[in-house]
Amino acid sequence: MSLSNDIARILMEMLEQDGTTEIQRNELAQTLGCVPSQINYVISSRFTPEHGYIVESRRGGGGYIKITRVSLDKPSAIMHTVNHIGAQASYELCRAHIMNLVNAEIIDKPSARLMLAATSENSLRMLPPQVKDRVRASIFKQMLLTFDTQR
C-alpha cells in the first residue's frame, strides 16, 4: 500500500468517531516518517468539498488542520453541490460530486449513471472544446435541481 493511501486511511479512521478531526501536520508526518508536504498532498487531493469535506487550517507554532465530513440533508447537499460547481465543470469534477452524492445516499445508482452519461465527454463530443465545460456545468446543475424537486 502506498504512503498516500496509509495517510488517507489514518485520517479516515480519525474521522469515524464524530466526523471531525484535528491534526498537527508535523506530528503526523513525524509519526509516519514522511515529509509534511505529503500530508498536505493527501488532504488537498482526497479531502476536498467534492468528496464531502471541509478543511480548515491555522498556521503557527500551535497550528492545526481540521477536517470535517459534511453531513447535509438531501436538499442541502444538492444545493451545496450546485453552488460549488461554478460556471464550468470538467467530467472529473462532475464524477467526484456524483460519487460523493451516491456515497452519502443522496442520489441512487441509476440516477448517478444517468448523470455520468449526460456529463461524459462522449455526450458532448459534438461541441467545440471551448464550450464543453460550460455546457457540462449547466447540464449537471439542471439535473441536480430537477432531482431535488422530485423528493
N, C-alpha and C. Protein backbone atom coordinates (compact mmCIF):
# COMPACT_ATOMS: atom_id res chain seq x y z
N MET A 1 0.85 -1.17 0.00
CA MET A 1 0.00 0.00 0.00
C MET A 1 0.90 1.24 0.00
N SER A 2 0.48 2.28 -0.70
CA SER A 2 1.29 3.48 -0.80
C SER A 2 1.17 4.34 0.46
N LEU A 3 2.13 5.21 0.63
CA LEU A 3 2.12 6.11 1.78
C LEU A 3 0.88 7.00 1.75
N SER A 4 0.50 7.48 0.56
CA SER A 4 -0.69 8.33 0.45
C SER A 4 -1.93 7.57 0.92
N ASN A 5 -2.05 6.32 0.54
CA ASN A 5 -3.19 5.50 0.98
C ASN A 5 -3.18 5.31 2.49
N ASP A 6 -1.97 5.11 3.06
CA ASP A 6 -1.86 4.95 4.52
C ASP A 6 -2.31 6.22 5.23
N ILE A 7 -1.85 7.37 4.74
CA ILE A 7 -2.24 8.64 5.36
C ILE A 7 -3.75 8.83 5.27
N ALA A 8 -4.32 8.58 4.09
CA ALA A 8 -5.77 8.73 3.91
C ALA A 8 -6.53 7.79 4.84
N ARG A 9 -6.07 6.56 4.96
CA ARG A 9 -6.72 5.57 5.83
C ARG A 9 -6.70 6.05 7.29
N ILE A 10 -5.54 6.54 7.74
CA ILE A 10 -5.42 7.03 9.12
C ILE A 10 -6.37 8.20 9.35
N LEU A 11 -6.41 9.13 8.42
CA LEU A 11 -7.31 10.28 8.57
C LEU A 11 -8.77 9.84 8.57
N MET A 12 -9.12 8.89 7.72
CA MET A 12 -10.50 8.37 7.69
C MET A 12 -10.86 7.72 9.02
N GLU A 13 -9.93 6.96 9.58
CA GLU A 13 -10.18 6.34 10.89
C GLU A 13 -10.40 7.40 11.96
N MET A 14 -9.63 8.47 11.90
CA MET A 14 -9.78 9.56 12.86
C MET A 14 -11.14 10.25 12.70
N LEU A 15 -11.64 10.30 11.48
CA LEU A 15 -12.92 10.95 11.21
C LEU A 15 -14.12 10.09 11.61
N GLU A 16 -13.93 8.79 11.77
CA GLU A 16 -15.04 7.89 12.03
C GLU A 16 -15.75 8.16 13.35
N GLN A 17 -15.04 8.66 14.35
CA GLN A 17 -15.64 8.91 15.66
C GLN A 17 -16.83 9.86 15.57
N ASP A 18 -16.55 11.11 15.18
CA ASP A 18 -17.63 12.10 15.16
C ASP A 18 -17.66 12.94 13.89
N GLY A 19 -16.94 12.51 12.88
CA GLY A 19 -16.97 13.22 11.60
C GLY A 19 -16.05 14.41 11.51
N THR A 20 -15.22 14.61 12.54
CA THR A 20 -14.27 15.71 12.51
C THR A 20 -12.99 15.30 13.23
N THR A 21 -11.89 15.84 12.79
CA THR A 21 -10.61 15.57 13.45
C THR A 21 -9.69 16.76 13.28
N GLU A 22 -8.83 16.95 14.25
CA GLU A 22 -7.80 17.98 14.17
C GLU A 22 -6.46 17.28 14.25
N ILE A 23 -5.57 17.65 13.34
CA ILE A 23 -4.23 17.06 13.35
C ILE A 23 -3.19 18.16 13.34
N GLN A 24 -2.04 17.84 13.85
CA GLN A 24 -0.89 18.70 13.68
C GLN A 24 -0.04 18.02 12.61
N ARG A 25 0.06 18.68 11.49
CA ARG A 25 0.69 18.12 10.30
C ARG A 25 2.10 17.61 10.59
N ASN A 26 2.89 18.39 11.28
CA ASN A 26 4.28 17.99 11.55
C ASN A 26 4.35 16.74 12.42
N GLU A 27 3.48 16.67 13.43
CA GLU A 27 3.47 15.50 14.31
C GLU A 27 3.06 14.25 13.55
N LEU A 28 2.02 14.36 12.72
CA LEU A 28 1.57 13.20 11.95
C LEU A 28 2.67 12.77 10.96
N ALA A 29 3.30 13.72 10.34
CA ALA A 29 4.38 13.40 9.39
C ALA A 29 5.53 12.69 10.11
N GLN A 30 5.87 13.17 11.29
CA GLN A 30 6.95 12.54 12.05
C GLN A 30 6.57 11.12 12.46
N THR A 31 5.33 10.92 12.89
CA THR A 31 4.85 9.60 13.27
C THR A 31 4.92 8.62 12.10
N LEU A 32 4.57 9.11 10.91
CA LEU A 32 4.53 8.25 9.73
C LEU A 32 5.88 8.18 9.00
N GLY A 33 6.81 9.01 9.39
CA GLY A 33 8.12 9.01 8.74
C GLY A 33 8.08 9.59 7.34
N CYS A 34 7.33 10.66 7.16
CA CYS A 34 7.25 11.30 5.85
C CYS A 34 7.42 12.80 6.02
N VAL A 35 7.43 13.50 4.92
CA VAL A 35 7.53 14.96 4.99
C VAL A 35 6.12 15.55 5.12
N PRO A 36 6.01 16.70 5.78
CA PRO A 36 4.70 17.33 5.96
C PRO A 36 3.97 17.61 4.65
N SER A 37 4.71 17.87 3.59
CA SER A 37 4.04 18.15 2.31
C SER A 37 3.27 16.93 1.80
N GLN A 38 3.67 15.72 2.20
CA GLN A 38 2.92 14.52 1.82
C GLN A 38 1.54 14.53 2.48
N ILE A 39 1.48 14.99 3.72
CA ILE A 39 0.19 15.13 4.42
C ILE A 39 -0.66 16.15 3.68
N ASN A 40 -0.06 17.29 3.32
CA ASN A 40 -0.79 18.32 2.57
C ASN A 40 -1.35 17.75 1.27
N TYR A 41 -0.54 16.98 0.56
CA TYR A 41 -0.96 16.41 -0.72
C TYR A 41 -2.20 15.54 -0.53
N VAL A 42 -2.17 14.66 0.45
CA VAL A 42 -3.30 13.76 0.67
C VAL A 42 -4.56 14.56 1.04
N ILE A 43 -4.40 15.53 1.90
CA ILE A 43 -5.56 16.33 2.31
C ILE A 43 -6.12 17.11 1.13
N SER A 44 -5.24 17.73 0.34
CA SER A 44 -5.72 18.56 -0.77
C SER A 44 -6.28 17.74 -1.92
N SER A 45 -5.92 16.47 -2.01
CA SER A 45 -6.43 15.66 -3.12
C SER A 45 -7.58 14.74 -2.73
N ARG A 46 -7.69 14.37 -1.47
CA ARG A 46 -8.71 13.40 -1.07
C ARG A 46 -9.75 13.92 -0.11
N PHE A 47 -9.49 15.05 0.51
CA PHE A 47 -10.43 15.59 1.49
C PHE A 47 -10.89 16.97 1.02
N THR A 48 -11.56 16.97 -0.12
CA THR A 48 -12.00 18.19 -0.78
C THR A 48 -13.51 18.35 -0.65
N PRO A 49 -14.04 19.53 -0.97
CA PRO A 49 -15.50 19.70 -0.95
C PRO A 49 -16.20 18.72 -1.90
N GLU A 50 -15.55 18.39 -3.02
CA GLU A 50 -16.14 17.43 -3.96
C GLU A 50 -16.31 16.06 -3.32
N HIS A 51 -15.45 15.75 -2.36
CA HIS A 51 -15.52 14.48 -1.67
C HIS A 51 -16.29 14.57 -0.36
N GLY A 52 -16.84 15.75 -0.07
CA GLY A 52 -17.69 15.91 1.10
C GLY A 52 -16.98 16.33 2.37
N TYR A 53 -15.88 17.08 2.25
CA TYR A 53 -15.12 17.51 3.42
C TYR A 53 -14.89 19.01 3.41
N ILE A 54 -14.75 19.56 4.60
CA ILE A 54 -14.33 20.94 4.78
C ILE A 54 -13.00 20.89 5.52
N VAL A 55 -12.01 21.60 5.01
CA VAL A 55 -10.69 21.61 5.64
C VAL A 55 -10.38 23.04 6.07
N GLU A 56 -10.01 23.19 7.33
CA GLU A 56 -9.61 24.49 7.87
C GLU A 56 -8.20 24.32 8.42
N SER A 57 -7.41 25.38 8.33
CA SER A 57 -6.07 25.28 8.90
C SER A 57 -5.72 26.56 9.63
N ARG A 58 -4.88 26.38 10.64
CA ARG A 58 -4.34 27.51 11.38
C ARG A 58 -2.83 27.33 11.41
N ARG A 59 -2.15 28.33 10.97
CA ARG A 59 -0.69 28.26 10.90
C ARG A 59 -0.07 28.73 12.20
N GLY A 60 1.20 28.44 12.34
CA GLY A 60 1.93 28.89 13.52
C GLY A 60 2.33 27.73 14.39
N GLY A 61 2.97 28.03 15.52
CA GLY A 61 3.50 27.01 16.42
C GLY A 61 2.47 26.01 16.91
N GLY A 62 1.29 26.50 17.25
CA GLY A 62 0.23 25.60 17.72
C GLY A 62 -0.77 25.32 16.63
N GLY A 63 -0.33 25.45 15.39
CA GLY A 63 -1.24 25.30 14.26
C GLY A 63 -1.78 23.90 14.11
N TYR A 64 -2.88 23.80 13.42
CA TYR A 64 -3.50 22.51 13.20
C TYR A 64 -4.23 22.52 11.87
N ILE A 65 -4.63 21.35 11.45
CA ILE A 65 -5.51 21.20 10.30
C ILE A 65 -6.75 20.48 10.82
N LYS A 66 -7.91 21.07 10.56
CA LYS A 66 -9.18 20.47 11.00
C LYS A 66 -9.92 19.99 9.76
N ILE A 67 -10.29 18.71 9.78
CA ILE A 67 -11.04 18.12 8.67
C ILE A 67 -12.41 17.72 9.21
N THR A 68 -13.45 18.14 8.50
CA THR A 68 -14.81 17.83 8.90
C THR A 68 -15.55 17.20 7.74
N ARG A 69 -16.19 16.07 8.01
CA ARG A 69 -17.03 15.44 7.00
C ARG A 69 -18.37 16.17 7.01
N VAL A 70 -18.77 16.65 5.85
CA VAL A 70 -20.02 17.38 5.73
C VAL A 70 -21.16 16.36 5.71
N SER A 71 -22.13 16.56 6.57
CA SER A 71 -23.32 15.71 6.52
C SER A 71 -24.53 16.64 6.43
N LEU A 72 -25.11 16.65 5.25
CA LEU A 72 -26.24 17.53 4.97
C LEU A 72 -27.46 16.70 4.63
N ASP A 73 -28.64 17.29 4.83
CA ASP A 73 -29.84 16.62 4.35
C ASP A 73 -29.85 16.69 2.82
N LYS A 74 -30.74 15.95 2.21
CA LYS A 74 -30.76 15.83 0.75
C LYS A 74 -30.85 17.18 0.03
N PRO A 75 -31.82 18.02 0.33
CA PRO A 75 -31.89 19.31 -0.38
C PRO A 75 -30.64 20.17 -0.17
N SER A 76 -30.12 20.19 1.05
CA SER A 76 -28.94 21.00 1.34
C SER A 76 -27.71 20.46 0.60
N ALA A 77 -27.57 19.14 0.57
CA ALA A 77 -26.43 18.53 -0.13
C ALA A 77 -26.48 18.84 -1.62
N ILE A 78 -27.66 18.79 -2.19
CA ILE A 78 -27.79 19.09 -3.62
C ILE A 78 -27.49 20.56 -3.88
N MET A 79 -28.01 21.45 -3.06
CA MET A 79 -27.74 22.88 -3.26
C MET A 79 -26.27 23.20 -3.01
N HIS A 80 -25.65 22.55 -2.04
CA HIS A 80 -24.21 22.73 -1.80
C HIS A 80 -23.43 22.34 -3.06
N THR A 81 -23.82 21.25 -3.68
CA THR A 81 -23.15 20.79 -4.89
C THR A 81 -23.38 21.78 -6.03
N VAL A 82 -24.62 22.20 -6.23
CA VAL A 82 -24.93 23.17 -7.30
C VAL A 82 -24.11 24.44 -7.11
N ASN A 83 -24.05 24.94 -5.89
CA ASN A 83 -23.32 26.18 -5.62
C ASN A 83 -21.82 26.02 -5.78
N HIS A 84 -21.32 24.82 -5.60
CA HIS A 84 -19.88 24.59 -5.71
C HIS A 84 -19.43 24.41 -7.16
N ILE A 85 -20.32 24.06 -8.06
CA ILE A 85 -19.96 23.76 -9.44
C ILE A 85 -19.37 24.96 -10.17
N GLY A 86 -19.97 26.12 -10.08
CA GLY A 86 -19.47 27.26 -10.82
C GLY A 86 -19.93 27.26 -12.26
N ALA A 87 -19.29 28.08 -13.07
CA ALA A 87 -19.70 28.24 -14.48
C ALA A 87 -19.17 27.15 -15.38
N GLN A 88 -18.12 26.46 -14.95
CA GLN A 88 -17.53 25.40 -15.77
C GLN A 88 -17.28 24.18 -14.90
N ALA A 89 -17.34 23.00 -15.52
CA ALA A 89 -17.06 21.77 -14.78
C ALA A 89 -16.49 20.72 -15.72
N SER A 90 -15.38 20.13 -15.31
CA SER A 90 -14.81 19.02 -16.07
C SER A 90 -15.62 17.76 -15.75
N TYR A 91 -15.44 16.74 -16.57
CA TYR A 91 -16.10 15.47 -16.29
C TYR A 91 -15.62 14.92 -14.95
N GLU A 92 -14.34 15.06 -14.65
CA GLU A 92 -13.77 14.55 -13.41
C GLU A 92 -14.42 15.21 -12.19
N LEU A 93 -14.65 16.52 -12.28
CA LEU A 93 -15.30 17.23 -11.19
C LEU A 93 -16.74 16.73 -11.01
N CYS A 94 -17.47 16.61 -12.11
CA CYS A 94 -18.85 16.10 -12.03
C CYS A 94 -18.86 14.70 -11.43
N ARG A 95 -17.95 13.86 -11.90
CA ARG A 95 -17.89 12.48 -11.41
C ARG A 95 -17.62 12.45 -9.90
N ALA A 96 -16.70 13.28 -9.43
CA ALA A 96 -16.39 13.33 -7.99
C ALA A 96 -17.63 13.73 -7.20
N HIS A 97 -18.35 14.74 -7.66
CA HIS A 97 -19.57 15.17 -6.96
C HIS A 97 -20.63 14.07 -6.99
N ILE A 98 -20.79 13.43 -8.13
CA ILE A 98 -21.80 12.38 -8.26
C ILE A 98 -21.48 11.22 -7.32
N MET A 99 -20.23 10.80 -7.28
CA MET A 99 -19.85 9.68 -6.41
C MET A 99 -20.04 10.06 -4.93
N ASN A 100 -19.75 11.30 -4.59
CA ASN A 100 -19.96 11.76 -3.22
C ASN A 100 -21.45 11.71 -2.87
N LEU A 101 -22.30 12.12 -3.79
CA LEU A 101 -23.75 12.10 -3.54
C LEU A 101 -24.27 10.67 -3.43
N VAL A 102 -23.71 9.75 -4.20
CA VAL A 102 -24.10 8.34 -4.09
C VAL A 102 -23.65 7.79 -2.74
N ASN A 103 -22.41 8.05 -2.37
CA ASN A 103 -21.87 7.55 -1.09
C ASN A 103 -22.64 8.09 0.10
N ALA A 104 -23.15 9.32 -0.02
CA ALA A 104 -23.95 9.92 1.05
C ALA A 104 -25.42 9.51 0.96
N GLU A 105 -25.74 8.67 -0.02
CA GLU A 105 -27.10 8.18 -0.24
C GLU A 105 -28.08 9.32 -0.52
N ILE A 106 -27.58 10.36 -1.22
CA ILE A 106 -28.41 11.48 -1.63
C ILE A 106 -29.08 11.16 -2.96
N ILE A 107 -28.32 10.50 -3.84
CA ILE A 107 -28.88 10.04 -5.11
C ILE A 107 -28.63 8.55 -5.23
N ASP A 108 -29.49 7.87 -6.00
CA ASP A 108 -29.33 6.43 -6.17
C ASP A 108 -28.41 6.13 -7.36
N LYS A 109 -28.00 4.89 -7.48
CA LYS A 109 -27.06 4.49 -8.52
C LYS A 109 -27.60 4.67 -9.93
N PRO A 110 -28.88 4.35 -10.21
CA PRO A 110 -29.38 4.60 -11.57
C PRO A 110 -29.35 6.09 -11.95
N SER A 111 -29.67 6.96 -11.00
CA SER A 111 -29.59 8.40 -11.27
C SER A 111 -28.14 8.82 -11.50
N ALA A 112 -27.23 8.25 -10.73
CA ALA A 112 -25.81 8.56 -10.89
C ALA A 112 -25.32 8.15 -12.28
N ARG A 113 -25.71 6.97 -12.73
CA ARG A 113 -25.30 6.51 -14.07
C ARG A 113 -25.82 7.45 -15.15
N LEU A 114 -27.05 7.91 -14.99
CA LEU A 114 -27.63 8.85 -15.95
C LEU A 114 -26.87 10.17 -15.95
N MET A 115 -26.54 10.68 -14.77
CA MET A 115 -25.78 11.93 -14.67
C MET A 115 -24.38 11.77 -15.27
N LEU A 116 -23.74 10.65 -15.00
CA LEU A 116 -22.42 10.39 -15.57
C LEU A 116 -22.47 10.35 -17.09
N ALA A 117 -23.49 9.70 -17.61
CA ALA A 117 -23.63 9.61 -19.07
C ALA A 117 -23.89 10.99 -19.68
N ALA A 118 -24.74 11.77 -19.05
CA ALA A 118 -25.09 13.09 -19.58
C ALA A 118 -23.93 14.07 -19.56
N THR A 119 -23.03 13.91 -18.61
CA THR A 119 -21.90 14.84 -18.48
C THR A 119 -20.61 14.30 -19.09
N SER A 120 -20.68 13.14 -19.71
CA SER A 120 -19.47 12.50 -20.25
C SER A 120 -18.92 13.24 -21.47
N GLU A 121 -17.65 12.99 -21.74
CA GLU A 121 -17.01 13.54 -22.93
C GLU A 121 -17.71 13.07 -24.19
N ASN A 122 -18.13 11.83 -24.20
CA ASN A 122 -18.80 11.28 -25.37
C ASN A 122 -20.12 12.01 -25.67
N SER A 123 -20.85 12.36 -24.64
CA SER A 123 -22.11 13.07 -24.83
C SER A 123 -21.91 14.48 -25.40
N LEU A 124 -20.77 15.06 -25.10
CA LEU A 124 -20.51 16.44 -25.51
C LEU A 124 -19.50 16.52 -26.67
N ARG A 125 -19.25 15.42 -27.32
CA ARG A 125 -18.20 15.36 -28.34
C ARG A 125 -18.45 16.29 -29.53
N MET A 126 -19.69 16.64 -29.82
CA MET A 126 -20.00 17.49 -30.96
C MET A 126 -19.79 18.98 -30.67
N LEU A 127 -19.56 19.32 -29.42
CA LEU A 127 -19.38 20.72 -29.04
C LEU A 127 -17.93 21.16 -29.22
N PRO A 128 -17.74 22.42 -29.53
CA PRO A 128 -16.37 22.94 -29.59
C PRO A 128 -15.73 22.85 -28.19
N PRO A 129 -14.44 22.54 -28.12
CA PRO A 129 -13.76 22.36 -26.83
C PRO A 129 -13.91 23.55 -25.88
N GLN A 130 -13.96 24.75 -26.42
CA GLN A 130 -14.02 25.93 -25.55
C GLN A 130 -15.36 26.09 -24.82
N VAL A 131 -16.39 25.36 -25.19
CA VAL A 131 -17.68 25.49 -24.51
C VAL A 131 -18.10 24.22 -23.76
N LYS A 132 -17.39 23.12 -23.94
CA LYS A 132 -17.80 21.86 -23.32
C LYS A 132 -17.99 21.95 -21.81
N ASP A 133 -17.03 22.53 -21.11
CA ASP A 133 -17.12 22.58 -19.65
C ASP A 133 -18.23 23.50 -19.16
N ARG A 134 -18.54 24.53 -19.91
CA ARG A 134 -19.67 25.40 -19.53
C ARG A 134 -20.99 24.67 -19.73
N VAL A 135 -21.13 23.98 -20.86
CA VAL A 135 -22.36 23.23 -21.14
C VAL A 135 -22.51 22.09 -20.12
N ARG A 136 -21.41 21.41 -19.83
CA ARG A 136 -21.43 20.31 -18.86
C ARG A 136 -21.90 20.81 -17.49
N ALA A 137 -21.38 21.94 -17.05
CA ALA A 137 -21.79 22.51 -15.75
C ALA A 137 -23.27 22.83 -15.76
N SER A 138 -23.74 23.41 -16.83
CA SER A 138 -25.16 23.76 -16.93
C SER A 138 -26.04 22.51 -16.89
N ILE A 139 -25.68 21.51 -17.64
CA ILE A 139 -26.45 20.25 -17.66
C ILE A 139 -26.46 19.61 -16.27
N PHE A 140 -25.30 19.54 -15.66
CA PHE A 140 -25.19 18.90 -14.36
C PHE A 140 -26.01 19.64 -13.30
N LYS A 141 -25.90 20.97 -13.28
CA LYS A 141 -26.69 21.76 -12.32
C LYS A 141 -28.18 21.55 -12.53
N GLN A 142 -28.61 21.58 -13.79
CA GLN A 142 -30.03 21.42 -14.07
C GLN A 142 -30.52 20.04 -13.64
N MET A 143 -29.71 19.01 -13.88
CA MET A 143 -30.09 17.67 -13.44
C MET A 143 -30.23 17.62 -11.92
N LEU A 144 -29.30 18.23 -11.21
CA LEU A 144 -29.37 18.25 -9.75
C LEU A 144 -30.60 19.00 -9.26
N LEU A 145 -30.87 20.15 -9.86
CA LEU A 145 -32.03 20.94 -9.43
C LEU A 145 -33.34 20.21 -9.72
N THR A 146 -33.39 19.53 -10.83
CA THR A 146 -34.58 18.74 -11.17
C THR A 146 -34.72 17.57 -10.21
N PHE A 147 -33.62 16.93 -9.90
CA PHE A 147 -33.62 15.81 -8.97
C PHE A 147 -34.09 16.25 -7.60
N ASP A 148 -33.66 17.44 -7.16
CA ASP A 148 -34.03 17.96 -5.85
C ASP A 148 -35.53 18.17 -5.74
N THR A 149 -36.19 18.56 -6.83
CA THR A 149 -37.62 18.81 -6.76
C THR A 149 -38.46 17.53 -6.80
N GLN A 150 -37.80 16.41 -7.05
CA GLN A 150 -38.52 15.13 -7.13
C GLN A 150 -38.45 14.35 -5.82
N ARG A 151 -38.53 15.02 -4.69
CA ARG A 151 -38.42 14.36 -3.38
C ARG A 151 -39.53 13.40 -3.14
